[in-house]
Amino acid sequence: MARKLMNNNRADSRCPNSDVRVVQFDLQQQMYLPTLTHTQMYYSGQLAFVNMGINLEPLEDEGKGIMFLWNETVGQRGSNEITSCLYKFFTFSGIGYTTDKKKLILWSDNCGGQN
């Protein structure tokens, strides 16, 4: 039901003269560097990275998104980090968000830290 509502919101945002802007965001699965495959190196220290992607509807540039990347020494995957990324996305010029729309709809999955 939620996916159907999100698709309807996205379709509404693509209509001419629409006052709707849809922003979708999600965290990618945590990544580790260096990537270790050898079993003896399994317990060696790896640096964890987090990547948050933001997608705008309607897409002005097909196939492009905004990505925020940080490592575990800077922050984790909590609500403060997510809010900081969204704040930067909405307030700093040149990052990608500009609109004259009157209604903003944010979509994310049900991850507690993101919501």
N, C-alpha and C. Protein backbone atom coordinates (compact mmCIF):
# COMPACT_ATOMS: atom_id res chain seq x y z
N MET A 1 0.82 -1.18 0.00
CA MET A 1 0.00 0.00 0.00
C MET A 1 0.88 1.27 0.00
N ALA A 2 1.96 1.23 0.81
CA ALA A 2 2.87 2.38 0.86
C ALA A 2 3.56 2.58 -0.48
N ARG A 3 3.98 1.47 -1.11
CA ARG A 3 4.66 1.58 -2.41
C ARG A 3 3.71 2.18 -3.45
N LYS A 4 2.45 1.80 -3.41
CA LYS A 4 1.47 2.35 -4.35
C LYS A 4 1.29 3.86 -4.11
N LEU A 5 1.24 4.27 -2.85
CA LEU A 5 1.12 5.69 -2.53
C LEU A 5 2.35 6.46 -2.99
N MET A 6 3.54 5.89 -2.79
CA MET A 6 4.76 6.55 -3.23
C MET A 6 4.78 6.69 -4.75
N ASN A 7 4.39 5.65 -5.47
CA ASN A 7 4.33 5.72 -6.93
C ASN A 7 3.33 6.77 -7.40
N ASN A 8 2.20 6.89 -6.70
CA ASN A 8 1.22 7.92 -7.03
C ASN A 8 1.79 9.32 -6.80
N ASN A 9 2.53 9.50 -5.69
CA ASN A 9 3.18 10.79 -5.42
C ASN A 9 4.18 11.13 -6.50
N ARG A 10 4.98 10.15 -6.90
CA ARG A 10 5.97 10.36 -7.95
C ARG A 10 5.30 10.74 -9.27
N ALA A 11 4.21 10.04 -9.61
CA ALA A 11 3.48 10.35 -10.84
C ALA A 11 2.90 11.76 -10.78
N ASP A 12 2.37 12.14 -9.60
CA ASP A 12 1.83 13.50 -9.45
C ASP A 12 2.91 14.55 -9.66
N SER A 13 4.11 14.28 -9.17
CA SER A 13 5.19 15.27 -9.27
C SER A 13 5.65 15.47 -10.71
N ARG A 14 5.40 14.49 -11.57
CA ARG A 14 5.83 14.58 -12.97
C ARG A 14 4.82 15.29 -13.86
N CYS A 15 3.61 15.50 -13.36
CA CYS A 15 2.58 16.15 -14.16
C CYS A 15 2.92 17.62 -14.38
N PRO A 16 2.61 18.13 -15.57
CA PRO A 16 2.81 19.57 -15.80
C PRO A 16 1.97 20.38 -14.82
N ASN A 17 2.49 21.50 -14.39
CA ASN A 17 1.81 22.39 -13.46
C ASN A 17 1.58 21.78 -12.08
N SER A 18 2.32 20.74 -11.76
CA SER A 18 2.20 20.11 -10.44
C SER A 18 2.91 20.96 -9.39
N ASP A 19 2.33 21.05 -8.20
CA ASP A 19 2.96 21.76 -7.09
C ASP A 19 3.62 20.80 -6.11
N VAL A 20 3.85 19.55 -6.55
CA VAL A 20 4.40 18.51 -5.68
C VAL A 20 5.85 18.25 -6.05
N ARG A 21 6.70 18.14 -5.03
CA ARG A 21 8.09 17.71 -5.21
C ARG A 21 8.32 16.54 -4.27
N VAL A 22 8.82 15.43 -4.80
CA VAL A 22 9.06 14.22 -4.02
C VAL A 22 10.56 14.03 -3.85
N VAL A 23 10.99 13.79 -2.62
CA VAL A 23 12.38 13.50 -2.31
C VAL A 23 12.42 12.13 -1.62
N GLN A 24 13.19 11.21 -2.20
CA GLN A 24 13.36 9.88 -1.62
C GLN A 24 14.79 9.77 -1.12
N PHE A 25 14.98 9.14 0.05
CA PHE A 25 16.33 8.95 0.56
C PHE A 25 16.42 7.61 1.28
N ASP A 26 17.63 7.05 1.25
CA ASP A 26 17.85 5.74 1.86
C ASP A 26 19.34 5.55 2.11
N LEU A 27 19.65 4.72 3.09
CA LEU A 27 21.02 4.36 3.38
C LEU A 27 21.38 3.08 2.64
N GLN A 28 22.58 3.08 2.08
CA GLN A 28 23.10 1.88 1.45
C GLN A 28 23.61 0.95 2.56
N GLN A 29 23.75 -0.33 2.26
CA GLN A 29 24.31 -1.26 3.21
C GLN A 29 25.72 -0.80 3.60
N GLN A 30 26.07 -0.96 4.87
CA GLN A 30 27.37 -0.49 5.34
C GLN A 30 28.50 -1.15 4.56
N MET A 31 29.51 -0.34 4.20
CA MET A 31 30.66 -0.83 3.43
C MET A 31 31.89 -0.79 4.31
N TYR A 32 32.87 -1.66 4.02
CA TYR A 32 34.10 -1.73 4.80
C TYR A 32 35.31 -1.62 3.90
N LEU A 33 36.31 -0.91 4.38
CA LEU A 33 37.59 -0.79 3.68
C LEU A 33 38.70 -1.18 4.63
N PRO A 34 39.70 -1.90 4.25
CA PRO A 34 39.78 -2.56 2.95
C PRO A 34 38.82 -3.73 2.89
N THR A 35 38.47 -4.14 1.68
CA THR A 35 37.62 -5.30 1.50
C THR A 35 38.47 -6.54 1.68
N LEU A 36 38.15 -7.31 2.72
CA LEU A 36 38.97 -8.48 3.06
C LEU A 36 38.23 -9.75 2.68
N THR A 37 38.93 -10.65 2.03
CA THR A 37 38.32 -11.93 1.66
C THR A 37 39.07 -13.11 2.27
N HIS A 38 40.27 -12.92 2.70
CA HIS A 38 41.07 -14.00 3.25
C HIS A 38 40.64 -14.25 4.69
N THR A 39 40.46 -15.53 5.07
CA THR A 39 39.93 -15.85 6.39
C THR A 39 40.85 -15.42 7.53
N GLN A 40 42.17 -15.40 7.33
CA GLN A 40 43.07 -14.98 8.39
C GLN A 40 42.95 -13.48 8.66
N MET A 41 42.45 -12.73 7.72
CA MET A 41 42.31 -11.28 7.88
C MET A 41 40.91 -10.90 8.37
N TYR A 42 40.06 -11.89 8.66
CA TYR A 42 38.68 -11.62 9.03
C TYR A 42 38.59 -10.71 10.26
N TYR A 43 39.43 -10.94 11.24
CA TYR A 43 39.37 -10.17 12.48
C TYR A 43 40.25 -8.92 12.45
N SER A 44 40.85 -8.61 11.34
CA SER A 44 41.63 -7.38 11.21
C SER A 44 40.69 -6.18 11.18
N GLY A 45 41.22 -5.05 11.60
CA GLY A 45 40.39 -3.85 11.65
C GLY A 45 40.01 -3.36 10.27
N GLN A 46 38.74 -3.05 10.10
CA GLN A 46 38.24 -2.48 8.87
C GLN A 46 37.51 -1.19 9.21
N LEU A 47 37.61 -0.23 8.33
CA LEU A 47 36.94 1.05 8.52
C LEU A 47 35.57 0.98 7.86
N ALA A 48 34.52 1.26 8.63
CA ALA A 48 33.15 1.20 8.12
C ALA A 48 32.76 2.54 7.49
N PHE A 49 32.10 2.47 6.34
CA PHE A 49 31.60 3.64 5.62
C PHE A 49 30.09 3.56 5.46
N VAL A 50 29.45 4.70 5.48
CA VAL A 50 28.00 4.80 5.30
C VAL A 50 27.75 5.70 4.09
N ASN A 51 26.80 5.31 3.24
CA ASN A 51 26.44 6.09 2.07
C ASN A 51 24.93 6.33 2.09
N MET A 52 24.55 7.60 2.04
CA MET A 52 23.13 7.96 1.98
C MET A 52 22.84 8.55 0.61
N GLY A 53 21.87 7.99 -0.07
CA GLY A 53 21.48 8.48 -1.39
C GLY A 53 20.16 9.23 -1.34
N ILE A 54 20.08 10.30 -2.13
CA ILE A 54 18.86 11.11 -2.22
C ILE A 54 18.47 11.20 -3.69
N ASN A 55 17.20 10.96 -3.96
CA ASN A 55 16.67 10.98 -5.31
C ASN A 55 15.53 12.01 -5.37
N LEU A 56 15.56 12.85 -6.39
CA LEU A 56 14.53 13.86 -6.59
C LEU A 56 13.54 13.42 -7.65
N GLU A 57 12.28 13.73 -7.47
CA GLU A 57 11.26 13.54 -8.49
C GLU A 57 10.60 14.87 -8.76
N PRO A 58 10.40 15.29 -9.95
CA PRO A 58 10.83 14.63 -11.17
C PRO A 58 12.33 14.81 -11.37
N LEU A 59 12.91 13.86 -12.05
CA LEU A 59 14.35 13.89 -12.30
C LEU A 59 14.67 14.82 -13.45
N GLU A 60 15.44 15.86 -13.15
CA GLU A 60 15.89 16.75 -14.23
C GLU A 60 16.99 16.08 -15.04
N ASP A 61 17.88 15.38 -14.36
CA ASP A 61 18.98 14.66 -15.01
C ASP A 61 18.79 13.18 -14.74
N GLU A 62 18.35 12.44 -15.73
CA GLU A 62 18.07 11.02 -15.54
C GLU A 62 19.31 10.27 -15.07
N GLY A 63 19.12 9.40 -14.11
CA GLY A 63 20.19 8.54 -13.65
C GLY A 63 21.16 9.19 -12.67
N LYS A 64 20.86 10.38 -12.19
CA LYS A 64 21.75 11.05 -11.25
C LYS A 64 21.08 11.17 -9.89
N GLY A 65 21.89 11.04 -8.86
CA GLY A 65 21.40 11.20 -7.50
C GLY A 65 22.43 11.95 -6.69
N ILE A 66 22.05 12.33 -5.49
CA ILE A 66 22.94 13.02 -4.57
C ILE A 66 23.36 12.00 -3.52
N MET A 67 24.67 11.89 -3.28
CA MET A 67 25.19 10.92 -2.32
C MET A 67 25.96 11.63 -1.22
N PHE A 68 25.76 11.19 0.01
CA PHE A 68 26.53 11.65 1.16
C PHE A 68 27.27 10.44 1.73
N LEU A 69 28.57 10.55 1.85
CA LEU A 69 29.41 9.45 2.31
C LEU A 69 30.20 9.89 3.52
N TRP A 70 30.21 9.05 4.57
CA TRP A 70 31.02 9.33 5.75
C TRP A 70 31.49 8.02 6.35
N ASN A 71 32.53 8.11 7.20
CA ASN A 71 33.03 6.89 7.84
C ASN A 71 32.70 6.89 9.32
N GLU A 72 32.99 5.78 9.98
CA GLU A 72 32.59 5.60 11.37
C GLU A 72 33.30 6.54 12.34
N THR A 73 34.39 7.18 11.92
CA THR A 73 35.06 8.13 12.80
C THR A 73 34.34 9.47 12.82
N VAL A 74 33.49 9.71 11.82
CA VAL A 74 32.75 10.97 11.71
C VAL A 74 31.36 10.84 12.30
N GLY A 75 30.69 9.72 12.07
CA GLY A 75 29.33 9.52 12.55
C GLY A 75 28.88 8.09 12.32
N GLN A 76 27.68 7.80 12.77
CA GLN A 76 27.12 6.46 12.62
C GLN A 76 25.96 6.50 11.62
N ARG A 77 24.89 5.75 11.90
CA ARG A 77 23.75 5.65 11.00
C ARG A 77 22.47 6.17 11.68
N GLY A 78 22.61 7.08 12.61
CA GLY A 78 21.48 7.52 13.40
C GLY A 78 20.74 8.72 12.83
N SER A 79 19.75 9.15 13.59
CA SER A 79 18.89 10.24 13.13
C SER A 79 19.66 11.56 13.01
N ASN A 80 20.66 11.79 13.85
CA ASN A 80 21.44 13.03 13.75
C ASN A 80 22.18 13.11 12.43
N GLU A 81 22.78 12.02 12.00
CA GLU A 81 23.52 12.01 10.74
C GLU A 81 22.58 12.17 9.55
N ILE A 82 21.44 11.49 9.59
CA ILE A 82 20.47 11.59 8.50
C ILE A 82 19.94 13.02 8.41
N THR A 83 19.60 13.60 9.55
CA THR A 83 19.10 14.97 9.57
C THR A 83 20.15 15.95 9.05
N SER A 84 21.41 15.73 9.41
CA SER A 84 22.48 16.61 8.93
C SER A 84 22.58 16.56 7.41
N CYS A 85 22.48 15.37 6.83
CA CYS A 85 22.53 15.23 5.37
C CYS A 85 21.34 15.94 4.72
N LEU A 86 20.16 15.73 5.26
CA LEU A 86 18.98 16.39 4.69
C LEU A 86 19.08 17.90 4.84
N TYR A 87 19.57 18.38 5.98
CA TYR A 87 19.75 19.82 6.17
C TYR A 87 20.72 20.39 5.14
N LYS A 88 21.82 19.69 4.93
CA LYS A 88 22.79 20.16 3.94
C LYS A 88 22.17 20.14 2.54
N PHE A 89 21.43 19.11 2.24
CA PHE A 89 20.79 18.98 0.94
C PHE A 89 19.82 20.13 0.68
N PHE A 90 19.03 20.50 1.69
CA PHE A 90 18.00 21.52 1.50
C PHE A 90 18.52 22.95 1.62
N THR A 91 19.64 23.16 2.30
CA THR A 91 20.05 24.54 2.57
C THR A 91 21.26 25.02 1.78
N PHE A 92 22.16 24.17 1.40
CA PHE A 92 23.36 24.62 0.71
C PHE A 92 23.12 24.67 -0.79
N SER A 93 23.39 25.80 -1.39
CA SER A 93 23.19 25.93 -2.84
C SER A 93 24.25 25.12 -3.57
N GLY A 94 23.91 24.67 -4.74
CA GLY A 94 24.84 23.90 -5.55
C GLY A 94 24.78 22.41 -5.29
N ILE A 95 24.05 21.97 -4.28
CA ILE A 95 23.97 20.54 -3.99
C ILE A 95 22.91 19.88 -4.85
N GLY A 96 21.84 20.54 -5.15
CA GLY A 96 20.88 19.93 -6.05
C GLY A 96 19.43 20.26 -5.80
N TYR A 97 19.08 20.81 -4.65
CA TYR A 97 17.67 21.05 -4.39
C TYR A 97 17.31 22.50 -4.64
N THR A 98 16.54 22.73 -5.65
CA THR A 98 15.93 24.03 -5.89
C THR A 98 14.53 23.75 -6.41
N THR A 99 13.57 24.53 -5.98
CA THR A 99 12.21 24.29 -6.43
C THR A 99 11.33 25.51 -6.20
N ASP A 100 10.29 25.58 -6.98
CA ASP A 100 9.25 26.57 -6.75
C ASP A 100 7.95 25.86 -6.39
N LYS A 101 8.04 24.57 -6.08
CA LYS A 101 6.87 23.77 -5.71
C LYS A 101 6.38 24.17 -4.32
N LYS A 102 5.10 23.94 -4.06
CA LYS A 102 4.52 24.32 -2.78
C LYS A 102 4.40 23.15 -1.81
N LYS A 103 4.46 21.92 -2.31
CA LYS A 103 4.28 20.75 -1.45
C LYS A 103 5.49 19.84 -1.58
N LEU A 104 6.10 19.51 -0.45
CA LEU A 104 7.26 18.64 -0.40
C LEU A 104 6.88 17.33 0.28
N ILE A 105 7.17 16.21 -0.38
CA ILE A 105 6.89 14.89 0.19
C ILE A 105 8.21 14.14 0.31
N LEU A 106 8.54 13.68 1.52
CA LEU A 106 9.76 12.91 1.78
C LEU A 106 9.40 11.45 1.94
N TRP A 107 10.15 10.57 1.26
CA TRP A 107 9.95 9.14 1.37
C TRP A 107 11.24 8.47 1.81
N SER A 108 11.12 7.55 2.77
CA SER A 108 12.22 6.74 3.24
C SER A 108 11.66 5.38 3.63
N ASP A 109 12.57 4.41 3.89
CA ASP A 109 12.07 3.12 4.35
C ASP A 109 11.77 3.18 5.83
N ASN A 110 11.51 2.04 6.46
CA ASN A 110 11.10 2.04 7.86
C ASN A 110 12.26 1.89 8.84
N CYS A 111 13.47 2.24 8.43
CA CYS A 111 14.62 2.18 9.33
C CYS A 111 14.46 3.24 10.42
N GLY A 112 14.57 2.84 11.67
CA GLY A 112 14.37 3.75 12.80
C GLY A 112 15.28 4.96 12.79
N GLY A 113 16.56 4.77 12.47
CA GLY A 113 17.51 5.86 12.47
C GLY A 113 17.19 6.91 11.42
N GLN A 114 16.66 6.48 10.29
CA GLN A 114 16.34 7.43 9.22
C GLN A 114 15.07 8.21 9.53
N ASN A 115 14.19 7.62 10.27
CA ASN A 115 12.91 8.27 10.52
C ASN A 115 12.91 8.99 11.85
